[in-house]
Every structure is written in structure tokens, then in C-alpha cells.
Amino acid sequence: MEIPKLDLTETRCPLALLMAKRTCAQLGAGQSLTIHLCDAGSRKDIPRYLLNHGFQVHIQSDNPQLLVITVTRRL
């Protein structure tokens, strides 16, 4: 099964955080989502928010141009 992707590379915080919150809130227990981020604020705020709200965050790729994380709702 392919993991759905949320591309926020063109979106800046705080809108990117709001979109990530809404999308991740729809995940069921154990479901995953890949998020692509570019904005410096989003790169800090989104993983921190998700870790504090019941999600596991795994960094797939981290370079100066792009951060790719996989988010999984904890069981």
C-alpha cells in the first residue's frame, strides 16, 4: 500500500501547520502520511506539533532545500 503524500513545499507557516494538523487528524490508528516541507518555520513547528499530539515522526530526507517526514498516528 502506498503512503499518501501531503506536499507543503509551496506553503508557509502558519498555513502549512494548519493544513498538516487537518490532514493528520483524519489518520486512523497506525495510518501514515508523508509530508514534504521547505519553509524554515514549518520544518521546526510541524514535527514538534505532531510529536506532541500522538504521532510518530520519522525523517525520510533532510537537506537545506527539503524536509520529508513520515507521520504515523500512534495506536
PDB file of N, CA and C in Angstrom:
ATOM      1  N   MET A   1       0.835  -1.175   0.000  1.00  0.00           N
ATOM      2  CA  MET A   1       0.000   0.000   0.000  1.00  0.00           C
ATOM      3  C   MET A   1       0.888   1.249   0.000  1.00  0.00           C
ATOM      4  N   GLU A   2       0.588   2.175  -0.886  1.00  0.00           N
ATOM      5  CA  GLU A   2       1.367   3.401  -0.975  1.00  0.00           C
ATOM      6  C   GLU A   2       0.910   4.400   0.089  1.00  0.00           C
ATOM      7  N   ILE A   3       1.868   5.052   0.720  1.00  0.00           N
ATOM      8  CA  ILE A   3       1.569   6.043   1.751  1.00  0.00           C
ATOM      9  C   ILE A   3       1.166   7.353   1.063  1.00  0.00           C
ATOM     10  N   PRO A   4       0.038   7.950   1.445  1.00  0.00           N
ATOM     11  CA  PRO A   4      -0.359   9.222   0.833  1.00  0.00           C
ATOM     12  C   PRO A   4       0.649  10.324   1.144  1.00  0.00           C
ATOM     13  N   LYS A   5       0.681  11.347   0.285  1.00  0.00           N
ATOM     14  CA  LYS A   5       1.660  12.425   0.409  1.00  0.00           C
ATOM     15  C   LYS A   5       0.942  13.764   0.536  1.00  0.00           C
ATOM     16  N   LEU A   6       1.451  14.602   1.425  1.00  0.00           N
ATOM     17  CA  LEU A   6       0.984  15.973   1.564  1.00  0.00           C
ATOM     18  C   LEU A   6       2.157  16.875   1.203  1.00  0.00           C
ATOM     19  N   ASP A   7       2.034  17.587   0.086  1.00  0.00           N
ATOM     20  CA  ASP A   7       3.118  18.448  -0.397  1.00  0.00           C
ATOM     21  C   ASP A   7       2.866  19.874   0.072  1.00  0.00           C
ATOM     22  N   LEU A   8       3.656  20.315   1.041  1.00  0.00           N
ATOM     23  CA  LEU A   8       3.537  21.672   1.571  1.00  0.00           C
ATOM     24  C   LEU A   8       4.739  22.531   1.191  1.00  0.00           C
ATOM     25  N   THR A   9       5.416  22.155   0.108  1.00  0.00           N
ATOM     26  CA  THR A   9       6.629  22.875  -0.293  1.00  0.00           C
ATOM     27  C   THR A   9       6.347  24.304  -0.730  1.00  0.00           C
ATOM     28  N   GLU A  10       5.148  24.587  -1.192  1.00  0.00           N
ATOM     29  CA  GLU A  10       4.791  25.933  -1.628  1.00  0.00           C
ATOM     30  C   GLU A  10       4.040  26.709  -0.547  1.00  0.00           C
ATOM     31  N   THR A  11       3.841  26.098   0.614  1.00  0.00           N
ATOM     32  CA  THR A  11       3.036  26.686   1.679  1.00  0.00           C
ATOM     33  C   THR A  11       3.925  27.054   2.857  1.00  0.00           C
ATOM     34  N   ARG A  12       3.695  28.213   3.421  1.00  0.00           N
ATOM     35  CA  ARG A  12       4.479  28.700   4.548  1.00  0.00           C
ATOM     36  C   ARG A  12       3.663  28.622   5.830  1.00  0.00           C
ATOM     37  N   CYS A  13       4.356  28.594   6.967  1.00  0.00           N
ATOM     38  CA  CYS A  13       3.699  28.645   8.261  1.00  0.00           C
ATOM     39  C   CYS A  13       3.051  30.012   8.428  1.00  0.00           C
ATOM     40  N   PRO A  14       1.942  30.126   9.059  1.00  0.00           N
ATOM     41  CA  PRO A  14       1.218  29.127   9.841  1.00  0.00           C
ATOM     42  C   PRO A  14       0.238  28.279   9.033  1.00  0.00           C
ATOM     43  N   LEU A  15       0.005  28.634   7.745  1.00  0.00           N
ATOM     44  CA  LEU A  15      -0.942  27.863   6.938  1.00  0.00           C
ATOM     45  C   LEU A  15      -0.495  26.415   6.773  1.00  0.00           C
ATOM     46  N   ALA A  16       0.803  26.183   6.619  1.00  0.00           N
ATOM     47  CA  ALA A  16       1.311  24.818   6.462  1.00  0.00           C
ATOM     48  C   ALA A  16       1.008  23.982   7.705  1.00  0.00           C
ATOM     49  N   LEU A  17       1.182  24.568   8.888  1.00  0.00           N
ATOM     50  CA  LEU A  17       0.881  23.852  10.128  1.00  0.00           C
ATOM     51  C   LEU A  17      -0.598  23.522  10.206  1.00  0.00           C
ATOM     52  N   LEU A  18      -1.450  24.459   9.851  1.00  0.00           N
ATOM     53  CA  LEU A  18      -2.894  24.222   9.867  1.00  0.00           C
ATOM     54  C   LEU A  18      -3.280  23.091   8.920  1.00  0.00           C
ATOM     55  N   MET A  19      -2.719  23.090   7.725  1.00  0.00           N
ATOM     56  CA  MET A  19      -3.026  22.039   6.744  1.00  0.00           C
ATOM     57  C   MET A  19      -2.527  20.679   7.228  1.00  0.00           C
ATOM     58  N   ALA A  20      -1.337  20.643   7.829  1.00  0.00           N
ATOM     59  CA  ALA A  20      -0.792  19.385   8.352  1.00  0.00           C
ATOM     60  C   ALA A  20      -1.673  18.868   9.490  1.00  0.00           C
ATOM     61  N   LYS A  21      -2.107  19.759  10.396  1.00  0.00           N
ATOM     62  CA  LYS A  21      -2.983  19.358  11.508  1.00  0.00           C
ATOM     63  C   LYS A  21      -4.263  18.731  10.993  1.00  0.00           C
ATOM     64  N   ARG A  22      -4.906  19.409  10.049  1.00  0.00           N
ATOM     65  CA  ARG A  22      -6.186  18.920   9.496  1.00  0.00           C
ATOM     66  C   ARG A  22      -6.029  17.563   8.823  1.00  0.00           C
ATOM     67  N   THR A  23      -4.982  17.422   8.035  1.00  0.00           N
ATOM     68  CA  THR A  23      -4.776  16.171   7.310  1.00  0.00           C
ATOM     69  C   THR A  23      -4.424  15.039   8.272  1.00  0.00           C
ATOM     70  N   CYS A  24      -3.558  15.288   9.226  1.00  0.00           N
ATOM     71  CA  CYS A  24      -3.149  14.250  10.167  1.00  0.00           C
ATOM     72  C   CYS A  24      -4.284  13.859  11.113  1.00  0.00           C
ATOM     73  N   ALA A  25      -5.183  14.776  11.398  1.00  0.00           N
ATOM     74  CA  ALA A  25      -6.325  14.471  12.269  1.00  0.00           C
ATOM     75  C   ALA A  25      -7.233  13.417  11.641  1.00  0.00           C
ATOM     76  N   GLN A  26      -7.183  13.275  10.328  1.00  0.00           N
ATOM     77  CA  GLN A  26      -8.012  12.304   9.617  1.00  0.00           C
ATOM     78  C   GLN A  26      -7.393  10.908   9.580  1.00  0.00           C
ATOM     79  N   LEU A  27      -6.141  10.780  10.013  1.00  0.00           N
ATOM     80  CA  LEU A  27      -5.480   9.473  10.010  1.00  0.00           C
ATOM     81  C   LEU A  27      -6.057   8.591  11.107  1.00  0.00           C
ATOM     82  N   GLY A  28      -6.249   7.316  10.786  1.00  0.00           N
ATOM     83  CA  GLY A  28      -6.652   6.348  11.797  1.00  0.00           C
ATOM     84  C   GLY A  28      -5.420   5.798  12.504  1.00  0.00           C
ATOM     85  N   ALA A  29      -5.633   5.081  13.588  1.00  0.00           N
ATOM     86  CA  ALA A  29      -4.526   4.479  14.340  1.00  0.00           C
ATOM     87  C   ALA A  29      -3.684   3.599  13.427  1.00  0.00           C
ATOM     88  N   GLY A  30      -2.386   3.851  13.416  1.00  0.00           N
ATOM     89  CA  GLY A  30      -1.458   3.063  12.607  1.00  0.00           C
ATOM     90  C   GLY A  30      -1.314   3.543  11.174  1.00  0.00           C
ATOM     91  N   GLN A  31      -2.132   4.487  10.733  1.00  0.00           N
ATOM     92  CA  GLN A  31      -2.031   5.002   9.362  1.00  0.00           C
ATOM     93  C   GLN A  31      -0.903   6.016   9.264  1.00  0.00           C
ATOM     94  N   SER A  32      -0.321   6.123   8.062  1.00  0.00           N
ATOM     95  CA  SER A  32       0.826   7.000   7.837  1.00  0.00           C
ATOM     96  C   SER A  32       0.566   8.002   6.733  1.00  0.00           C
ATOM     97  N   LEU A  33       1.355   9.058   6.740  1.00  0.00           N
ATOM     98  CA  LEU A  33       1.287  10.123   5.756  1.00  0.00           C
ATOM     99  C   LEU A  33       2.697  10.670   5.583  1.00  0.00           C
ATOM    100  N   THR A  34       3.094  10.935   4.353  1.00  0.00           N
ATOM    101  CA  THR A  34       4.378  11.563   4.080  1.00  0.00           C
ATOM    102  C   THR A  34       4.140  13.045   3.830  1.00  0.00           C
ATOM    103  N   ILE A  35       4.935  13.889   4.487  1.00  0.00           N
ATOM    104  CA  ILE A  35       4.796  15.341   4.351  1.00  0.00           C
ATOM    105  C   ILE A  35       6.103  15.917   3.830  1.00  0.00           C
ATOM    106  N   HIS A  36       6.005  16.775   2.810  1.00  0.00           N
ATOM    107  CA  HIS A  36       7.163  17.452   2.226  1.00  0.00           C
ATOM    108  C   HIS A  36       7.111  18.919   2.640  1.00  0.00           C
ATOM    109  N   LEU A  37       8.219  19.428   3.218  1.00  0.00           N
ATOM    110  CA  LEU A  37       8.278  20.788   3.756  1.00  0.00           C
ATOM    111  C   LEU A  37       9.524  21.523   3.265  1.00  0.00           C
ATOM    112  N   CYS A  38       9.383  22.835   3.045  1.00  0.00           N
ATOM    113  CA  CYS A  38      10.537  23.669   2.670  1.00  0.00           C
ATOM    114  C   CYS A  38      10.738  24.834   3.625  1.00  0.00           C
ATOM    115  N   ASP A  39       9.682  25.452   4.076  1.00  0.00           N
ATOM    116  CA  ASP A  39       9.717  26.642   4.914  1.00  0.00           C
ATOM    117  C   ASP A  39      10.428  26.354   6.235  1.00  0.00           C
ATOM    118  N   ALA A  40      11.320  27.258   6.639  1.00  0.00           N
ATOM    119  CA  ALA A  40      12.099  27.059   7.870  1.00  0.00           C
ATOM    120  C   ALA A  40      11.200  26.920   9.092  1.00  0.00           C
ATOM    121  N   GLY A  41      10.158  27.729   9.186  1.00  0.00           N
ATOM    122  CA  GLY A  41       9.236  27.636  10.315  1.00  0.00           C
ATOM    123  C   GLY A  41       8.500  26.311  10.328  1.00  0.00           C
ATOM    124  N   SER A  42       8.041  25.881   9.175  1.00  0.00           N
ATOM    125  CA  SER A  42       7.326  24.608   9.065  1.00  0.00           C
ATOM    126  C   SER A  42       8.217  23.433   9.433  1.00  0.00           C
ATOM    127  N   ARG A  43       9.470  23.502   9.040  1.00  0.00           N
ATOM    128  CA  ARG A  43      10.409  22.411   9.316  1.00  0.00           C
ATOM    129  C   ARG A  43      10.592  22.197  10.812  1.00  0.00           C
ATOM    130  N   LYS A  44      10.468  23.268  11.608  1.00  0.00           N
ATOM    131  CA  LYS A  44      10.582  23.147  13.066  1.00  0.00           C
ATOM    132  C   LYS A  44       9.235  22.843  13.704  1.00  0.00           C
ATOM    133  N   ASP A  45       8.222  23.623  13.323  1.00  0.00           N
ATOM    134  CA  ASP A  45       6.942  23.594  14.023  1.00  0.00           C
ATOM    135  C   ASP A  45       6.114  22.334  13.781  1.00  0.00           C
ATOM    136  N   ILE A  46       6.064  21.861  12.543  1.00  0.00           N
ATOM    137  CA  ILE A  46       5.186  20.730  12.230  1.00  0.00           C
ATOM    138  C   ILE A  46       5.654  19.443  12.911  1.00  0.00           C
ATOM    139  N   PRO A  47       6.924  19.034  12.792  1.00  0.00           N
ATOM    140  CA  PRO A  47       7.334  17.812  13.502  1.00  0.00           C
ATOM    141  C   PRO A  47       7.136  17.920  15.016  1.00  0.00           C
ATOM    142  N   ARG A  48       7.454  19.085  15.589  1.00  0.00           N
ATOM    143  CA  ARG A  48       7.288  19.271  17.035  1.00  0.00           C
ATOM    144  C   ARG A  48       5.815  19.141  17.440  1.00  0.00           C
ATOM    145  N   TYR A  49       4.923  19.773  16.697  1.00  0.00           N
ATOM    146  CA  TYR A  49       3.493  19.697  16.992  1.00  0.00           C
ATOM    147  C   TYR A  49       3.011  18.242  16.927  1.00  0.00           C
ATOM    148  N   LEU A  50       3.387  17.546  15.856  1.00  0.00           N
ATOM    149  CA  LEU A  50       2.906  16.174  15.661  1.00  0.00           C
ATOM    150  C   LEU A  50       3.432  15.234  16.746  1.00  0.00           C
ATOM    151  N   LEU A  51       4.690  15.380  17.128  1.00  0.00           N
ATOM    152  CA  LEU A  51       5.250  14.546  18.199  1.00  0.00           C
ATOM    153  C   LEU A  51       4.496  14.759  19.512  1.00  0.00           C
ATOM    154  N   ASN A  52       4.069  15.985  19.756  1.00  0.00           N
ATOM    155  CA  ASN A  52       3.364  16.307  20.992  1.00  0.00           C
ATOM    156  C   ASN A  52       1.877  15.966  20.969  1.00  0.00           C
ATOM    157  N   HIS A  53       1.367  15.514  19.818  1.00  0.00           N
ATOM    158  CA  HIS A  53      -0.058  15.243  19.692  1.00  0.00           C
ATOM    159  C   HIS A  53      -0.364  13.828  19.197  1.00  0.00           C
ATOM    160  N   GLY A  54       0.418  12.865  19.616  1.00  0.00           N
ATOM    161  CA  GLY A  54       0.080  11.464  19.373  1.00  0.00           C
ATOM    162  C   GLY A  54       0.535  10.863  18.060  1.00  0.00           C
ATOM    163  N   PHE A  55       1.571  11.430  17.461  1.00  0.00           N
ATOM    164  CA  PHE A  55       2.079  10.896  16.201  1.00  0.00           C
ATOM    165  C   PHE A  55       3.550  10.536  16.343  1.00  0.00           C
ATOM    166  N   GLN A  56       3.961   9.541  15.576  1.00  0.00           N
ATOM    167  CA  GLN A  56       5.385   9.230  15.441  1.00  0.00           C
ATOM    168  C   GLN A  56       5.863   9.963  14.190  1.00  0.00           C
ATOM    169  N   VAL A  57       7.046  10.530  14.255  1.00  0.00           N
ATOM    170  CA  VAL A  57       7.603  11.263  13.120  1.00  0.00           C
ATOM    171  C   VAL A  57       8.946  10.648  12.763  1.00  0.00           C
ATOM    172  N   HIS A  58       9.069  10.219  11.514  1.00  0.00           N
ATOM    173  CA  HIS A  58      10.310   9.631  11.019  1.00  0.00           C
ATOM    174  C   HIS A  58      10.827  10.495   9.878  1.00  0.00           C
ATOM    175  N   ILE A  59      12.073  10.958   9.980  1.00  0.00           N
ATOM    176  CA  ILE A  59      12.669  11.789   8.935  1.00  0.00           C
ATOM    177  C   ILE A  59      13.151  10.895   7.801  1.00  0.00           C
ATOM    178  N   GLN A  60      12.588  11.108   6.611  1.00  0.00           N
ATOM    179  CA  GLN A  60      12.985  10.345   5.421  1.00  0.00           C
ATOM    180  C   GLN A  60      14.176  11.008   4.728  1.00  0.00           C
ATOM    181  N   SER A  61      14.131  12.339   4.662  1.00  0.00           N
ATOM    182  CA  SER A  61      15.172  13.089   3.971  1.00  0.00           C
ATOM    183  C   SER A  61      15.243  14.482   4.586  1.00  0.00           C
ATOM    184  N   ASP A  62      16.443  14.949   4.833  1.00  0.00           N
ATOM    185  CA  ASP A  62      16.626  16.279   5.402  1.00  0.00           C
ATOM    186  C   ASP A  62      17.823  16.938   4.745  1.00  0.00           C
ATOM    187  N   ASN A  63      17.552  17.902   3.871  1.00  0.00           N
ATOM    188  CA  ASN A  63      18.615  18.690   3.265  1.00  0.00           C
ATOM    189  C   ASN A  63      18.158  20.147   3.266  1.00  0.00           C
ATOM    190  N   PRO A  64      19.022  21.106   2.942  1.00  0.00           N
ATOM    191  CA  PRO A  64      18.646  22.521   3.043  1.00  0.00           C
ATOM    192  C   PRO A  64      17.419  22.922   2.218  1.00  0.00           C
ATOM    193  N   GLN A  65      17.130  22.211   1.149  1.00  0.00           N
ATOM    194  CA  GLN A  65      16.005  22.567   0.295  1.00  0.00           C
ATOM    195  C   GLN A  65      14.697  21.879   0.680  1.00  0.00           C
ATOM    196  N   LEU A  66      14.773  20.695   1.302  1.00  0.00           N
ATOM    197  CA  LEU A  66      13.564  19.901   1.508  1.00  0.00           C
ATOM    198  C   LEU A  66      13.685  18.992   2.725  1.00  0.00           C
ATOM    199  N   LEU A  67      12.614  18.948   3.508  1.00  0.00           N
ATOM    200  CA  LEU A  67      12.493  18.003   4.611  1.00  0.00           C
ATOM    201  C   LEU A  67      11.316  17.094   4.282  1.00  0.00           C
ATOM    202  N   VAL A  68      11.551  15.793   4.305  1.00  0.00           N
ATOM    203  CA  VAL A  68      10.495  14.818   4.051  1.00  0.00           C
ATOM    204  C   VAL A  68      10.349  13.977   5.307  1.00  0.00           C
ATOM    205  N   ILE A  69       9.129  13.978   5.885  1.00  0.00           N
ATOM    206  CA  ILE A  69       8.863  13.198   7.084  1.00  0.00           C
ATOM    207  C   ILE A  69       7.696  12.242   6.825  1.00  0.00           C
ATOM    208  N   THR A  70       7.727  11.119   7.508  1.00  0.00           N
ATOM    209  CA  THR A  70       6.605  10.199   7.509  1.00  0.00           C
ATOM    210  C   THR A  70       5.998  10.250   8.884  1.00  0.00           C
ATOM    211  N   VAL A  71       4.710  10.526   8.934  1.00  0.00           N
ATOM    212  CA  VAL A  71       3.964  10.684  10.162  1.00  0.00           C
ATOM    213  C   VAL A  71       3.030   9.495  10.318  1.00  0.00           C
ATOM    214  N   THR A  72       3.022   8.863  11.507  1.00  0.00           N
ATOM    215  CA  THR A  72       2.142   7.738  11.788  1.00  0.00           C
ATOM    216  C   THR A  72       1.391   8.011  13.074  1.00  0.00           C
ATOM    217  N   ARG A  73       0.066   7.840  13.030  1.00  0.00           N
ATOM    218  CA  ARG A  73      -0.723   8.004  14.257  1.00  0.00           C
ATOM    219  C   ARG A  73      -0.454   6.814  15.148  1.00  0.00           C
ATOM    220  N   ARG A  74      -0.114   7.087  16.409  1.00  0.00           N
ATOM    221  CA  ARG A  74       0.166   6.010  17.359  1.00  0.00           C
ATOM    222  C   ARG A  74      -1.105   5.224  17.647  1.00  0.00           C
ATOM    223  N   LEU A  75      -0.910   3.945  17.967  1.00  0.00           N
ATOM    224  CA  LEU A  75      -2.054   3.064  18.249  1.00  0.00           C
ATOM    225  C   LEU A  75      -2.712   3.394  19.547  1.00  0.00           C
TER     226      LEU A  75
END
